[in-house]
C-alpha atoms as a PDB file:
ATOM      1  CA  MET A   1       7.772  13.017 -37.200  1.00  0.00           C
ATOM      2  CA  GLN A   2       4.296  13.298 -38.060  1.00  0.00           C
ATOM      3  CA  ALA A   3       4.142  16.490 -36.043  1.00  0.00           C
ATOM      4  CA  THR A   4       6.968  18.026 -37.691  1.00  0.00           C
ATOM      5  CA  GLN A   5       4.890  17.673 -40.695  1.00  0.00           C
ATOM      6  CA  GLY A   6       1.888  19.366 -39.583  1.00  0.00           C
ATOM      7  CA  GLU A   7       0.221  16.628 -38.237  1.00  0.00           C
ATOM      8  CA  LEU A   8       0.087  17.520 -34.426  1.00  0.00           C
ATOM      9  CA  LYS A   9      -3.098  14.991 -33.130  1.00  0.00           C
ATOM     10  CA  PRO A  10      -0.614  12.135 -32.547  1.00  0.00           C
ATOM     11  CA  PHE A  11       1.628  13.916 -30.526  1.00  0.00           C
ATOM     12  CA  LEU A  12      -1.230  15.767 -28.573  1.00  0.00           C
ATOM     13  CA  MET A  13      -2.709  12.164 -28.014  1.00  0.00           C
ATOM     14  CA  PHE A  14       0.753  11.069 -26.689  1.00  0.00           C
ATOM     15  CA  TYR A  15       1.241  14.186 -24.550  1.00  0.00           C
ATOM     16  CA  LEU A  16      -2.279  14.147 -22.930  1.00  0.00           C
ATOM     17  CA  GLU A  17      -1.599  10.348 -22.364  1.00  0.00           C
ATOM     18  CA  CYS A  18       1.160  10.977 -20.337  1.00  0.00           C
ATOM     19  CA  ILE A  19      -0.653  13.954 -18.459  1.00  0.00           C
ATOM     20  CA  ASN A  20      -2.820  11.524 -17.714  1.00  0.00           C
ATOM     21  CA  ALA A  21      -0.815   8.678 -16.352  1.00  0.00           C
ATOM     22  CA  SER A  22       1.074  11.078 -14.180  1.00  0.00           C
ATOM     23  CA  LEU A  23      -1.906  12.669 -12.535  1.00  0.00           C
ATOM     24  CA  MET A  24      -3.301   9.027 -12.023  1.00  0.00           C
ATOM     25  CA  LYS A  25      -0.100   8.293 -10.269  1.00  0.00           C
ATOM     26  CA  VAL A  26      -0.349  11.159  -7.958  1.00  0.00           C
ATOM     27  CA  LEU A  27      -4.185  10.671  -7.323  1.00  0.00           C
ATOM     28  CA  LYS A  28      -3.309   7.319  -6.417  1.00  0.00           C
ATOM     29  CA  GLU A  29      -0.683   8.270  -4.072  1.00  0.00           C
ATOM     30  CA  LEU A  30      -2.785  10.985  -2.236  1.00  0.00           C
ATOM     31  CA  GLN A  31      -5.718   7.925  -1.774  1.00  0.00           C
ATOM     32  CA  ARG A  32      -3.118   5.849  -0.062  1.00  0.00           C
ATOM     33  CA  TYR A  33      -1.627   8.663   2.202  1.00  0.00           C
ATOM     34  CA  ASP A  34      -5.512   9.228   3.273  1.00  0.00           C
ATOM     35  CA  ARG A  35      -6.019   5.624   3.755  1.00  0.00           C
ATOM     36  CA  ILE A  36      -3.024   5.387   5.711  1.00  0.00           C
ATOM     37  CA  LYS A  37      -3.885   8.251   8.122  1.00  0.00           C
ATOM     38  CA  HIS A  38      -7.377   7.031   8.362  1.00  0.00           C
ATOM     39  CA  VAL A  39      -6.019   3.696   9.672  1.00  0.00           C
ATOM     40  CA  LYS A  40      -3.580   5.221  11.632  1.00  0.00           C
ATOM     41  CA  GLU A  41      -6.096   7.005  13.594  1.00  0.00           C
ATOM     42  CA  LEU A  42      -8.262   3.793  14.014  1.00  0.00           C
ATOM     43  CA  LEU A  43      -5.295   1.921  15.394  1.00  0.00           C
ATOM     44  CA  GLY A  44      -4.401   4.378  17.985  1.00  0.00           C
ATOM     45  CA  LYS A  45      -1.427   3.164  20.082  1.00  0.00           C
ATOM     46  CA  GLY A  46       0.010  -0.379  20.441  1.00  0.00           C
ATOM     47  CA  HIS A  47       1.630  -3.095  18.341  1.00  0.00           C
ATOM     48  CA  ALA A  48      -0.973  -3.076  15.644  1.00  0.00           C
ATOM     49  CA  ARG A  49      -0.047   0.554  14.942  1.00  0.00           C
ATOM     50  CA  THR A  50       3.740  -0.104  14.736  1.00  0.00           C
ATOM     51  CA  MET A  51       3.224  -2.867  12.791  1.00  0.00           C
ATOM     52  CA  PHE A  52       1.096  -0.810  10.245  1.00  0.00           C
ATOM     53  CA  GLU A  53       3.465   1.853  10.135  1.00  0.00           C
ATOM     54  CA  ILE A  54       6.372  -0.718   9.113  1.00  0.00           C
ATOM     55  CA  ILE A  55       3.718  -2.267   6.543  1.00  0.00           C
ATOM     56  CA  ALA A  56       2.922   1.317   5.247  1.00  0.00           C
ATOM     57  CA  ARG A  57       6.407   1.788   3.974  1.00  0.00           C
ATOM     58  CA  MET A  58       5.608  -1.269   1.622  1.00  0.00           C
ATOM     59  CA  GLU A  59       4.209  -1.043  -1.964  1.00  0.00           C
ATOM     60  CA  ASP A  60       0.745  -2.741  -2.081  1.00  0.00           C
ATOM     61  CA  GLY A  61       1.184  -6.115  -3.738  1.00  0.00           C
ATOM     62  CA  ASP A  62       4.507  -6.735  -1.693  1.00  0.00           C
ATOM     63  CA  HIS A  63       4.802  -9.998   0.335  1.00  0.00           C
ATOM     64  CA  PHE A  64       5.964 -10.200   3.826  1.00  0.00           C
ATOM     65  CA  HIS A  65       6.109 -12.622   6.504  1.00  0.00           C
ATOM     66  CA  ARG A  66       4.771 -12.326  10.159  1.00  0.00           C
ATOM     67  CA  GLN A  67       8.391 -13.121  11.352  1.00  0.00           C
ATOM     68  CA  ILE A  68       9.567  -9.587  10.622  1.00  0.00           C
ATOM     69  CA  PHE A  69       7.625  -8.797  13.687  1.00  0.00           C
ATOM     70  CA  ASP A  70       8.508 -11.721  15.868  1.00  0.00           C
ATOM     71  CA  ASP A  71      12.152 -10.382  15.295  1.00  0.00           C
ATOM     72  CA  MET A  72      11.286  -6.748  15.556  1.00  0.00           C
ATOM     73  CA  LEU A  73       8.686  -6.508  18.364  1.00  0.00           C
ATOM     74  CA  SER A  74       8.960  -7.361  21.919  1.00  0.00           C
ATOM     75  CA  ALA A  75       5.823  -8.880  21.755  1.00  0.00           C
ATOM     76  CA  SER A  76       4.293 -12.192  22.436  1.00  0.00           C
ATOM     77  CA  ALA A  77       3.198 -14.323  19.686  1.00  0.00           C
ATOM     78  CA  SER A  78      -0.661 -14.307  20.666  1.00  0.00           C
ATOM     79  CA  SER A  79      -0.197 -10.472  20.526  1.00  0.00           C
ATOM     80  CA  ILE A  80       1.092 -10.471  17.078  1.00  0.00           C
ATOM     81  CA  ALA A  81      -1.424 -12.707  15.841  1.00  0.00           C
ATOM     82  CA  LYS A  82      -4.144 -10.587  16.994  1.00  0.00           C
ATOM     83  CA  SER A  83      -2.502  -7.275  15.788  1.00  0.00           C
ATOM     84  CA  LEU A  84      -2.238  -9.225  12.115  1.00  0.00           C
ATOM     85  CA  SER A  85      -5.988 -10.119  12.581  1.00  0.00           C
ATOM     86  CA  LYS A  86      -6.916  -6.534  13.021  1.00  0.00           C
ATOM     87  CA  LEU A  87      -5.189  -5.296  10.108  1.00  0.00           C
ATOM     88  CA  LYS A  88      -6.875  -7.942   7.970  1.00  0.00           C
ATOM     89  CA  GLU A  89     -10.306  -6.918   9.459  1.00  0.00           C
ATOM     90  CA  LEU A  90      -9.056  -3.111   8.080  1.00  0.00           C
ATOM     91  CA  ASN A  91      -8.188  -4.722   4.981  1.00  0.00           C
ATOM     92  CA  VAL A  92      -4.939  -3.246   4.703  1.00  0.00           C
ATOM     93  CA  ILE A  93      -3.223  -6.932   4.198  1.00  0.00           C
ATOM     94  CA  LYS A  94      -4.442 -10.156   3.048  1.00  0.00           C
ATOM     95  CA  SER A  95      -3.264 -13.591   3.655  1.00  0.00           C
ATOM     96  CA  GLY A  96      -0.595 -14.901   1.523  1.00  0.00           C
ATOM     97  CA  GLU A  97      -0.323 -18.306  -0.117  1.00  0.00           C
ATOM     98  CA  SER A  98       1.956 -19.891   2.544  1.00  0.00           C
ATOM     99  CA  ARG A  99       1.356 -20.017   6.392  1.00  0.00           C
ATOM    100  CA  GLY A 100       2.652 -16.789   7.789  1.00  0.00           C
ATOM    101  CA  GLU A 101       2.637 -14.930   4.722  1.00  0.00           C
ATOM    102  CA  TYR A 102       0.783 -11.598   3.946  1.00  0.00           C
ATOM    103  CA  VAL A 103       0.056  -9.307   1.210  1.00  0.00           C
ATOM    104  CA  ILE A 104       0.014  -5.138   1.550  1.00  0.00           C
ATOM    105  CA  SER A 105      -3.618  -4.061   0.204  1.00  0.00           C
ATOM    106  CA  ILE A 106      -3.814  -1.111   1.637  1.00  0.00           C
ATOM    107  CA  LEU A 107      -6.074   0.436  -1.737  1.00  0.00           C
ATOM    108  CA  ASP A 108      -6.845  -2.785  -2.967  1.00  0.00           C
END
């Protein structure tokens, strides 16, 4: 309304804040993409990489339970535990509040 009366500064500030928010969102997605690509290269092949590819489809901050891997993969419990430990070492997941719960933290 102020812009129609000749006061453009509030509108320009709003417009620039919107552009900044959009650019920050794009930057975060690019950083996440680069991090995912780097982690995949470090993991090579195997259960940890398969698990990471599933995890990478989730959002940072999302919670999951290791049971999804027990149900999806034809791997031993020790192999899944070892892969989860490797993903924790790479800081792409963190332990959750309950046993067997994890939190996605690819960029955190």
